[in-house]
Amino acid sequence: MAVIKYYGAIAEAAQCNEEQMAVADLKISDCMALLKEKYKLHALEISIALNQNLVEIDSTIKLSDSDEIALLPPFAGG
């Protein structure tokens, strides 16, 4: 099971800071579509980190159950 971590407004919408999810054979874009629908995140601007590296939300990278995925709100500052 992959660990999905939520921060800021995304954690508020999901009503949790993290959860586990079976993601084997899903792409990042597939996973994001599922999470956006589940938690009604369509209006939020989201960045994604896969194993602590930022990736594109529409990435076709395949996920595995050992991954850590973080959904991040917009960054402030420079």
PDB file of N, CA and C in Angstrom:
ATOM      1  N   MET A   1       0.835  -1.186   0.000  1.00  0.00           N
ATOM      2  CA  MET A   1       0.000   0.000   0.000  1.00  0.00           C
ATOM      3  C   MET A   1       0.883   1.254   0.000  1.00  0.00           C
ATOM      4  N   ALA A   2       0.592   2.165  -0.886  1.00  0.00           N
ATOM      5  CA  ALA A   2       1.311   3.432  -0.925  1.00  0.00           C
ATOM      6  C   ALA A   2       0.766   4.346   0.169  1.00  0.00           C
ATOM      7  N   VAL A   3       1.611   5.231   0.644  1.00  0.00           N
ATOM      8  CA  VAL A   3       1.191   6.227   1.626  1.00  0.00           C
ATOM      9  C   VAL A   3       0.897   7.516   0.875  1.00  0.00           C
ATOM     10  N   ILE A   4      -0.310   8.062   1.086  1.00  0.00           N
ATOM     11  CA  ILE A   4      -0.701   9.329   0.494  1.00  0.00           C
ATOM     12  C   ILE A   4      -0.743  10.337   1.632  1.00  0.00           C
ATOM     13  N   LYS A   5       0.032  11.427   1.512  1.00  0.00           N
ATOM     14  CA  LYS A   5       0.071  12.460   2.547  1.00  0.00           C
ATOM     15  C   LYS A   5      -0.576  13.729   2.015  1.00  0.00           C
ATOM     16  N   TYR A   6      -1.347  14.384   2.884  1.00  0.00           N
ATOM     17  CA  TYR A   6      -2.070  15.593   2.520  1.00  0.00           C
ATOM     18  C   TYR A   6      -1.601  16.752   3.402  1.00  0.00           C
ATOM     19  N   TYR A   7      -1.520  17.940   2.814  1.00  0.00           N
ATOM     20  CA  TYR A   7      -1.071  19.124   3.543  1.00  0.00           C
ATOM     21  C   TYR A   7      -2.005  20.300   3.291  1.00  0.00           C
ATOM     22  N   GLY A   8      -2.084  21.208   4.266  1.00  0.00           N
ATOM     23  CA  GLY A   8      -2.837  22.449   4.125  1.00  0.00           C
ATOM     24  C   GLY A   8      -4.308  22.231   3.803  1.00  0.00           C
ATOM     25  N   ALA A   9      -4.808  23.015   2.839  1.00  0.00           N
ATOM     26  CA  ALA A   9      -6.220  22.958   2.446  1.00  0.00           C
ATOM     27  C   ALA A   9      -6.596  21.583   1.898  1.00  0.00           C
ATOM     28  N   ILE A  10      -5.623  20.875   1.363  1.00  0.00           N
ATOM     29  CA  ILE A  10      -5.895  19.530   0.830  1.00  0.00           C
ATOM     30  C   ILE A  10      -6.204  18.572   1.981  1.00  0.00           C
ATOM     31  N   ALA A  11      -5.447  18.674   3.072  1.00  0.00           N
ATOM     32  CA  ALA A  11      -5.707  17.852   4.262  1.00  0.00           C
ATOM     33  C   ALA A  11      -7.068  18.200   4.859  1.00  0.00           C
ATOM     34  N   GLU A  12      -7.420  19.481   4.833  1.00  0.00           N
ATOM     35  CA  GLU A  12      -8.726  19.886   5.346  1.00  0.00           C
ATOM     36  C   GLU A  12      -9.845  19.276   4.508  1.00  0.00           C
ATOM     37  N   ALA A  13      -9.706  19.304   3.199  1.00  0.00           N
ATOM     38  CA  ALA A  13     -10.727  18.737   2.313  1.00  0.00           C
ATOM     39  C   ALA A  13     -10.833  17.223   2.494  1.00  0.00           C
ATOM     40  N   ALA A  14      -9.695  16.559   2.659  1.00  0.00           N
ATOM     41  CA  ALA A  14      -9.678  15.105   2.829  1.00  0.00           C
ATOM     42  C   ALA A  14     -10.039  14.681   4.254  1.00  0.00           C
ATOM     43  N   GLN A  15      -9.997  15.634   5.177  1.00  0.00           N
ATOM     44  CA  GLN A  15     -10.247  15.400   6.596  1.00  0.00           C
ATOM     45  C   GLN A  15      -9.304  14.368   7.194  1.00  0.00           C
ATOM     46  N   CYS A  16      -8.068  14.348   6.673  1.00  0.00           N
ATOM     47  CA  CYS A  16      -7.021  13.506   7.242  1.00  0.00           C
ATOM     48  C   CYS A  16      -5.669  14.007   6.721  1.00  0.00           C
ATOM     49  N   ASN A  17      -4.608  13.625   7.416  1.00  0.00           N
ATOM     50  CA  ASN A  17      -3.264  14.017   7.002  1.00  0.00           C
ATOM     51  C   ASN A  17      -2.584  12.971   6.135  1.00  0.00           C
ATOM     52  N   GLU A  18      -3.024  11.733   6.262  1.00  0.00           N
ATOM     53  CA  GLU A  18      -2.460  10.675   5.424  1.00  0.00           C
ATOM     54  C   GLU A  18      -3.367   9.458   5.418  1.00  0.00           C
ATOM     55  N   GLU A  19      -3.188   8.655   4.399  1.00  0.00           N
ATOM     56  CA  GLU A  19      -3.912   7.396   4.282  1.00  0.00           C
ATOM     57  C   GLU A  19      -3.095   6.448   3.424  1.00  0.00           C
ATOM     58  N   GLN A  20      -3.494   5.206   3.409  1.00  0.00           N
ATOM     59  CA  GLN A  20      -2.855   4.219   2.551  1.00  0.00           C
ATOM     60  C   GLN A  20      -3.814   3.851   1.433  1.00  0.00           C
ATOM     61  N   MET A  21      -3.223   3.569   0.272  1.00  0.00           N
ATOM     62  CA  MET A  21      -4.046   3.278  -0.902  1.00  0.00           C
ATOM     63  C   MET A  21      -3.299   2.294  -1.796  1.00  0.00           C
ATOM     64  N   ALA A  22      -4.016   1.320  -2.326  1.00  0.00           N
ATOM     65  CA  ALA A  22      -3.425   0.390  -3.293  1.00  0.00           C
ATOM     66  C   ALA A  22      -3.306   1.129  -4.627  1.00  0.00           C
ATOM     67  N   VAL A  23      -2.091   1.249  -5.134  1.00  0.00           N
ATOM     68  CA  VAL A  23      -1.859   2.023  -6.361  1.00  0.00           C
ATOM     69  C   VAL A  23      -1.142   1.222  -7.436  1.00  0.00           C
ATOM     70  N   ALA A  24      -0.902  -0.048  -7.196  1.00  0.00           N
ATOM     71  CA  ALA A  24      -0.168  -0.858  -8.168  1.00  0.00           C
ATOM     72  C   ALA A  24      -0.819  -0.735  -9.541  1.00  0.00           C
ATOM     73  N   ASP A  25      -0.001  -0.491 -10.544  1.00  0.00           N
ATOM     74  CA  ASP A  25      -0.414  -0.362 -11.943  1.00  0.00           C
ATOM     75  C   ASP A  25      -1.147   0.934 -12.271  1.00  0.00           C
ATOM     76  N   LEU A  26      -1.282   1.853 -11.304  1.00  0.00           N
ATOM     77  CA  LEU A  26      -1.853   3.163 -11.605  1.00  0.00           C
ATOM     78  C   LEU A  26      -0.736   4.125 -11.997  1.00  0.00           C
ATOM     79  N   LYS A  27      -1.066   5.091 -12.842  1.00  0.00           N
ATOM     80  CA  LYS A  27      -0.154   6.195 -13.132  1.00  0.00           C
ATOM     81  C   LYS A  27      -0.494   7.323 -12.162  1.00  0.00           C
ATOM     82  N   ILE A  28       0.424   8.261 -12.012  1.00  0.00           N
ATOM     83  CA  ILE A  28       0.163   9.407 -11.144  1.00  0.00           C
ATOM     84  C   ILE A  28      -1.111  10.113 -11.577  1.00  0.00           C
ATOM     85  N   SER A  29      -1.283  10.307 -12.871  1.00  0.00           N
ATOM     86  CA  SER A  29      -2.475  11.001 -13.370  1.00  0.00           C
ATOM     87  C   SER A  29      -3.754  10.249 -12.987  1.00  0.00           C
ATOM     88  N   ASP A  30      -3.736   8.913 -13.023  1.00  0.00           N
ATOM     89  CA  ASP A  30      -4.898   8.106 -12.620  1.00  0.00           C
ATOM     90  C   ASP A  30      -5.192   8.267 -11.128  1.00  0.00           C
ATOM     91  N   CYS A  31      -4.138   8.200 -10.346  1.00  0.00           N
ATOM     92  CA  CYS A  31      -4.266   8.338  -8.897  1.00  0.00           C
ATOM     93  C   CYS A  31      -4.845   9.704  -8.550  1.00  0.00           C
ATOM     94  N   MET A  32      -4.349  10.746  -9.194  1.00  0.00           N
ATOM     95  CA  MET A  32      -4.842  12.098  -8.929  1.00  0.00           C
ATOM     96  C   MET A  32      -6.302  12.242  -9.319  1.00  0.00           C
ATOM     97  N   ALA A  33      -6.695  11.647 -10.415  1.00  0.00           N
ATOM     98  CA  ALA A  33      -8.102  11.710 -10.830  1.00  0.00           C
ATOM     99  C   ALA A  33      -8.993  11.058  -9.773  1.00  0.00           C
ATOM    100  N   LEU A  34      -8.568   9.926  -9.240  1.00  0.00           N
ATOM    101  CA  LEU A  34      -9.340   9.241  -8.195  1.00  0.00           C
ATOM    102  C   LEU A  34      -9.439  10.086  -6.925  1.00  0.00           C
ATOM    103  N   LEU A  35      -8.312  10.666  -6.507  1.00  0.00           N
ATOM    104  CA  LEU A  35      -8.308  11.459  -5.279  1.00  0.00           C
ATOM    105  C   LEU A  35      -9.083  12.755  -5.439  1.00  0.00           C
ATOM    106  N   LYS A  36      -8.978  13.390  -6.606  1.00  0.00           N
ATOM    107  CA  LYS A  36      -9.734  14.624  -6.846  1.00  0.00           C
ATOM    108  C   LYS A  36     -11.230  14.360  -6.772  1.00  0.00           C
ATOM    109  N   GLU A  37     -11.655  13.242  -7.314  1.00  0.00           N
ATOM    110  CA  GLU A  37     -13.075  12.891  -7.277  1.00  0.00           C
ATOM    111  C   GLU A  37     -13.505  12.518  -5.858  1.00  0.00           C
ATOM    112  N   LYS A  38     -12.709  11.705  -5.187  1.00  0.00           N
ATOM    113  CA  LYS A  38     -13.048  11.238  -3.841  1.00  0.00           C
ATOM    114  C   LYS A  38     -13.210  12.389  -2.853  1.00  0.00           C
ATOM    115  N   TYR A  39     -12.295  13.378  -2.923  1.00  0.00           N
ATOM    116  CA  TYR A  39     -12.287  14.467  -1.951  1.00  0.00           C
ATOM    117  C   TYR A  39     -12.737  15.807  -2.533  1.00  0.00           C
ATOM    118  N   LYS A  40     -13.256  15.810  -3.755  1.00  0.00           N
ATOM    119  CA  LYS A  40     -13.744  17.036  -4.405  1.00  0.00           C
ATOM    120  C   LYS A  40     -12.654  18.121  -4.416  1.00  0.00           C
ATOM    121  N   LEU A  41     -11.484  17.757  -4.934  1.00  0.00           N
ATOM    122  CA  LEU A  41     -10.325  18.651  -4.958  1.00  0.00           C
ATOM    123  C   LEU A  41     -10.171  19.404  -6.279  1.00  0.00           C
ATOM    124  N   HIS A  42     -11.170  19.363  -7.133  1.00  0.00           N
ATOM    125  CA  HIS A  42     -11.052  19.936  -8.478  1.00  0.00           C
ATOM    126  C   HIS A  42     -10.696  21.414  -8.470  1.00  0.00           C
ATOM    127  N   ALA A  43     -11.148  22.170  -7.494  1.00  0.00           N
ATOM    128  CA  ALA A  43     -10.919  23.614  -7.475  1.00  0.00           C
ATOM    129  C   ALA A  43      -9.575  23.995  -6.851  1.00  0.00           C
ATOM    130  N   LEU A  44      -8.897  23.046  -6.232  1.00  0.00           N
ATOM    131  CA  LEU A  44      -7.638  23.356  -5.544  1.00  0.00           C
ATOM    132  C   LEU A  44      -6.436  23.221  -6.472  1.00  0.00           C
ATOM    133  N   GLU A  45      -5.504  24.125  -6.311  1.00  0.00           N
ATOM    134  CA  GLU A  45      -4.238  24.018  -7.023  1.00  0.00           C
ATOM    135  C   GLU A  45      -3.350  23.077  -6.209  1.00  0.00           C
ATOM    136  N   ILE A  46      -2.865  22.032  -6.859  1.00  0.00           N
ATOM    137  CA  ILE A  46      -2.132  20.980  -6.143  1.00  0.00           C
ATOM    138  C   ILE A  46      -0.801  20.695  -6.832  1.00  0.00           C
ATOM    139  N   SER A  47       0.242  20.562  -6.019  1.00  0.00           N
ATOM    140  CA  SER A  47       1.525  20.041  -6.495  1.00  0.00           C
ATOM    141  C   SER A  47       1.661  18.637  -5.913  1.00  0.00           C
ATOM    142  N   ILE A  48       2.427  17.800  -6.604  1.00  0.00           N
ATOM    143  CA  ILE A  48       2.588  16.415  -6.166  1.00  0.00           C
ATOM    144  C   ILE A  48       4.066  16.088  -6.019  1.00  0.00           C
ATOM    145  N   ALA A  49       4.370  15.408  -4.933  1.00  0.00           N
ATOM    146  CA  ALA A  49       5.712  14.873  -4.740  1.00  0.00           C
ATOM    147  C   ALA A  49       5.602  13.354  -4.684  1.00  0.00           C
ATOM    148  N   LEU A  50       6.437  12.690  -5.457  1.00  0.00           N
ATOM    149  CA  LEU A  50       6.519  11.234  -5.455  1.00  0.00           C
ATOM    150  C   LEU A  50       7.853  10.861  -4.851  1.00  0.00           C
ATOM    151  N   ASN A  51       7.817  10.214  -3.710  1.00  0.00           N
ATOM    152  CA  ASN A  51       9.050   9.843  -2.992  1.00  0.00           C
ATOM    153  C   ASN A  51       9.956  11.053  -2.803  1.00  0.00           C
ATOM    154  N   GLN A  52       9.338  12.171  -2.394  1.00  0.00           N
ATOM    155  CA  GLN A  52       9.994  13.427  -2.048  1.00  0.00           C
ATOM    156  C   GLN A  52      10.585  14.171  -3.243  1.00  0.00           C
ATOM    157  N   ASN A  53      10.133  13.869  -4.454  1.00  0.00           N
ATOM    158  CA  ASN A  53      10.548  14.591  -5.658  1.00  0.00           C
ATOM    159  C   ASN A  53       9.305  15.121  -6.358  1.00  0.00           C
ATOM    160  N   LEU A  54       9.285  16.419  -6.670  1.00  0.00           N
ATOM    161  CA  LEU A  54       8.128  16.992  -7.349  1.00  0.00           C
ATOM    162  C   LEU A  54       7.972  16.392  -8.736  1.00  0.00           C
ATOM    163  N   VAL A  55       6.727  16.087  -9.102  1.00  0.00           N
ATOM    164  CA  VAL A  55       6.392  15.535 -10.419  1.00  0.00           C
ATOM    165  C   VAL A  55       5.175  16.271 -10.950  1.00  0.00           C
ATOM    166  N   GLU A  56       4.941  16.149 -12.243  1.00  0.00           N
ATOM    167  CA  GLU A  56       3.784  16.787 -12.871  1.00  0.00           C
ATOM    168  C   GLU A  56       2.511  16.024 -12.507  1.00  0.00           C
ATOM    169  N   ILE A  57       1.426  16.757 -12.325  1.00  0.00           N
ATOM    170  CA  ILE A  57       0.147  16.157 -11.934  1.00  0.00           C
ATOM    171  C   ILE A  57      -0.391  15.214 -13.006  1.00  0.00           C
ATOM    172  N   ASP A  58      -0.025  15.458 -14.265  1.00  0.00           N
ATOM    173  CA  ASP A  58      -0.509  14.604 -15.358  1.00  0.00           C
ATOM    174  C   ASP A  58       0.550  13.590 -15.805  1.00  0.00           C
ATOM    175  N   SER A  59       1.499  13.319 -14.928  1.00  0.00           N
ATOM    176  CA  SER A  59       2.594  12.397 -15.231  1.00  0.00           C
ATOM    177  C   SER A  59       2.090  10.983 -15.505  1.00  0.00           C
ATOM    178  N   THR A  60       2.776  10.309 -16.408  1.00  0.00           N
ATOM    179  CA  THR A  60       2.437   8.921 -16.722  1.00  0.00           C
ATOM    180  C   THR A  60       3.350   7.932 -15.994  1.00  0.00           C
ATOM    181  N   ILE A  61       4.061   8.414 -14.983  1.00  0.00           N
ATOM    182  CA  ILE A  61       4.901   7.530 -14.172  1.00  0.00           C
ATOM    183  C   ILE A  61       4.011   6.510 -13.476  1.00  0.00           C
ATOM    184  N   LYS A  62       4.375   5.239 -13.571  1.00  0.00           N
ATOM    185  CA  LYS A  62       3.628   4.163 -12.895  1.00  0.00           C
ATOM    186  C   LYS A  62       3.984   4.161 -11.409  1.00  0.00           C
ATOM    187  N   LEU A  63       2.981   3.952 -10.587  1.00  0.00           N
ATOM    188  CA  LEU A  63       3.168   3.914  -9.144  1.00  0.00           C
ATOM    189  C   LEU A  63       3.323   2.480  -8.662  1.00  0.00           C
ATOM    190  N   SER A  64       3.931   2.350  -7.491  1.00  0.00           N
ATOM    191  CA  SER A  64       4.019   1.036  -6.854  1.00  0.00           C
ATOM    192  C   SER A  64       3.573   1.178  -5.402  1.00  0.00           C
ATOM    193  N   ASP A  65       3.224   0.073  -4.789  1.00  0.00           N
ATOM    194  CA  ASP A  65       2.695   0.105  -3.427  1.00  0.00           C
ATOM    195  C   ASP A  65       3.728   0.522  -2.378  1.00  0.00           C
ATOM    196  N   SER A  66       4.973   0.691  -2.753  1.00  0.00           N
ATOM    197  CA  SER A  66       5.980   1.142  -1.800  1.00  0.00           C
ATOM    198  C   SER A  66       6.208   2.656  -1.884  1.00  0.00           C
ATOM    199  N   ASP A  67       5.467   3.350  -2.744  1.00  0.00           N
ATOM    200  CA  ASP A  67       5.657   4.782  -2.947  1.00  0.00           C
ATOM    201  C   ASP A  67       5.038   5.627  -1.839  1.00  0.00           C
ATOM    202  N   GLU A  68       5.609   6.838  -1.693  1.00  0.00           N
ATOM    203  CA  GLU A  68       5.028   7.871  -0.854  1.00  0.00           C
ATOM    204  C   GLU A  68       4.633   9.016  -1.767  1.00  0.00           C
ATOM    205  N   ILE A  69       3.362   9.391  -1.712  1.00  0.00           N
ATOM    206  CA  ILE A  69       2.826  10.445  -2.558  1.00  0.00           C
ATOM    207  C   ILE A  69       2.337  11.556  -1.652  1.00  0.00           C
ATOM    208  N   ALA A  70       2.798  12.777  -1.909  1.00  0.00           N
ATOM    209  CA  ALA A  70       2.366  13.922  -1.101  1.00  0.00           C
ATOM    210  C   ALA A  70       1.624  14.906  -1.992  1.00  0.00           C
ATOM    211  N   LEU A  71       0.443  15.326  -1.545  1.00  0.00           N
ATOM    212  CA  LEU A  71      -0.328  16.347  -2.228  1.00  0.00           C
ATOM    213  C   LEU A  71      -0.115  17.656  -1.489  1.00  0.00           C
ATOM    214  N   LEU A  72       0.460  18.614  -2.189  1.00  0.00           N
ATOM    215  CA  LEU A  72       0.908  19.852  -1.576  1.00  0.00           C
ATOM    216  C   LEU A  72       0.108  21.050  -2.073  1.00  0.00           C
ATOM    217  N   PRO A  73      -0.209  21.986  -1.158  1.00  0.00           N
ATOM    218  CA  PRO A  73      -0.873  23.210  -1.581  1.00  0.00           C
ATOM    219  C   PRO A  73       0.142  24.137  -2.259  1.00  0.00           C
ATOM    220  N   PRO A  74      -0.310  25.242  -2.835  1.00  0.00           N
ATOM    221  CA  PRO A  74       0.628  26.173  -3.480  1.00  0.00           C
ATOM    222  C   PRO A  74       1.705  26.630  -2.495  1.00  0.00           C
ATOM    223  N   PHE A  75       2.901  26.811  -3.012  1.00  0.00           N
ATOM    224  CA  PHE A  75       4.025  27.250  -2.189  1.00  0.00           C
ATOM    225  C   PHE A  75       4.042  28.768  -2.113  1.00  0.00           C
ATOM    226  N   ALA A  76       4.444  29.301  -0.973  1.00  0.00           N
ATOM    227  CA  ALA A  76       4.586  30.747  -0.804  1.00  0.00           C
ATOM    228  C   ALA A  76       6.067  31.068  -0.644  1.00  0.00           C
ATOM    229  N   GLY A  77       6.424  32.268  -0.965  1.00  0.00           N
ATOM    230  CA  GLY A  77       7.809  32.695  -0.770  1.00  0.00           C
ATOM    231  C   GLY A  77       8.681  32.376  -1.947  1.00  0.00           C
ATOM    232  N   GLY A  78       9.985  32.494  -1.754  1.00  0.00           N
ATOM    233  CA  GLY A  78      10.885  32.287  -2.879  1.00  0.00           C
ATOM    234  C   GLY A  78      12.123  31.572  -2.540  1.00  0.00           C
TER     235      GLY A  78
END
